[in-house]
């Protein structure tokens, strides 16, 4: 039992020293930082692939639907439930806020 307690203490000391040295630990990984990676803007082709529809369908829905309804339509089609909006300045589709 004493050997087990000593081993646990050594492991705890090692882990504490790793974090003090600024080395990455399992919990310092970006996936544990509480922030999800930001989605990159997509071309019409990229958004169509993501939504599982044709480019023509994306274009038609964007033109025919008011922006809030287009975002909702995208949310319904997107596998992660993200809404997408068209940025007129860049010509790309970006995740809606």
Protein backbone atom coordinates (compact mmCIF):
# COMPACT_ATOMS: atom_id res chain seq x y z
CA UNK A 1 0.00 0.00 0.00
CA UNK A 2 2.86 2.37 0.77
CA UNK A 3 4.38 1.75 -2.67
CA UNK A 4 1.08 2.62 -4.31
CA UNK A 5 0.81 5.89 -2.37
CA UNK A 6 4.41 6.78 -3.27
CA UNK A 7 3.75 6.02 -6.94
CA UNK A 8 0.66 8.24 -6.95
CA UNK A 9 2.60 11.09 -5.35
CA UNK A 10 5.36 10.75 -7.96
CA UNK A 11 2.82 10.85 -10.77
CA UNK A 12 1.12 13.93 -9.30
CA UNK A 13 4.47 15.69 -8.89
CA UNK A 14 5.42 14.86 -12.47
CA UNK A 15 2.13 16.20 -13.84
CA UNK A 16 2.37 19.37 -11.75
CA UNK A 17 5.92 20.00 -12.99
CA UNK A 18 4.86 19.47 -16.61
CA UNK A 19 2.19 22.16 -16.30
CA UNK A 20 4.57 24.60 -14.56
CA UNK A 21 7.06 24.24 -17.40
CA UNK A 22 4.38 25.27 -19.85
CA UNK A 23 4.40 21.97 -21.66
CA UNK A 24 1.14 20.91 -23.17
CA UNK A 25 -0.86 18.51 -21.13
CA UNK A 26 -3.92 16.54 -22.04
CA UNK A 27 -6.18 19.27 -20.67
CA UNK A 28 -4.31 22.16 -22.32
CA UNK A 29 -5.26 20.78 -25.71
CA UNK A 30 -7.26 23.28 -27.79
CA UNK A 31 -10.23 20.93 -27.84
CA UNK A 32 -10.52 21.37 -24.07
CA UNK A 33 -10.13 25.15 -24.03
CA UNK A 34 -13.87 25.71 -24.05
CA UNK A 35 -13.75 27.30 -27.48
CA UNK A 36 -14.86 25.47 -30.55
CA UNK A 37 -12.94 25.97 -33.75
CA UNK A 38 -14.36 28.70 -35.95
CA UNK A 39 -15.92 27.56 -39.20
CA UNK A 40 -14.32 28.97 -42.32
CA UNK A 41 -16.38 30.72 -45.02
CA UNK A 42 -17.48 28.46 -47.86
CA UNK A 43 -17.96 28.88 -51.56
CA UNK A 44 -21.35 28.08 -53.03
CA UNK A 45 -19.94 24.71 -54.10
CA UNK A 46 -18.60 24.04 -50.60
CA UNK A 47 -21.89 24.93 -48.93
CA UNK A 48 -23.83 22.80 -51.41
CA UNK A 49 -21.64 19.79 -50.59
CA UNK A 50 -22.00 20.43 -46.86
CA UNK A 51 -25.78 20.65 -47.13
CA UNK A 52 -26.09 17.72 -49.52
CA UNK A 53 -27.78 19.73 -52.27
CA UNK A 54 -26.78 21.17 -55.64
CA UNK A 55 -25.18 24.58 -56.11
CA UNK A 56 -28.26 25.59 -58.07
CA UNK A 57 -30.48 24.74 -55.08
CA UNK A 58 -28.33 26.83 -52.71
CA UNK A 59 -28.42 29.78 -55.14
CA UNK A 60 -32.18 29.46 -55.71
CA UNK A 61 -32.97 29.32 -51.98
CA UNK A 62 -30.67 32.28 -51.23
CA UNK A 63 -32.35 34.38 -53.93
CA UNK A 64 -35.94 33.37 -53.14
CA UNK A 65 -35.85 33.37 -49.33
CA UNK A 66 -35.38 36.38 -47.05
CA UNK A 67 -32.02 36.12 -45.21
CA UNK A 68 -33.49 34.85 -41.89
CA UNK A 69 -35.38 32.09 -43.70
CA UNK A 70 -32.30 31.16 -45.72
CA UNK A 71 -30.36 30.77 -42.45
CA UNK A 72 -33.16 28.55 -41.09
CA UNK A 73 -33.24 26.50 -44.30
CA UNK A 74 -29.48 25.93 -44.02
CA UNK A 75 -29.82 24.94 -40.35
CA UNK A 76 -32.34 22.33 -41.34
CA UNK A 77 -30.00 20.88 -43.99
CA UNK A 78 -26.66 21.21 -42.15
CA UNK A 79 -25.47 18.04 -40.38
CA UNK A 80 -24.25 20.14 -37.43
CA UNK A 81 -27.35 22.34 -37.41
CA UNK A 82 -25.47 25.49 -38.43
CA UNK A 83 -27.21 28.33 -40.18
CA UNK A 84 -25.34 29.96 -43.05
CA UNK A 85 -25.61 33.44 -44.53
CA UNK A 86 -24.27 34.97 -47.72
CA UNK A 87 -21.75 37.79 -47.39
CA UNK A 88 -22.25 40.12 -50.36
CA UNK A 89 -18.83 41.75 -49.82
CA UNK A 90 -16.81 38.54 -50.01
CA UNK A 91 -19.09 36.33 -52.09
CA UNK A 92 -18.73 33.55 -49.50
CA UNK A 93 -21.18 31.85 -47.18
CA UNK A 94 -20.37 32.14 -43.49
CA UNK A 95 -21.90 30.71 -40.32
CA UNK A 96 -24.73 32.90 -39.08
CA UNK A 97 -24.33 34.50 -35.67
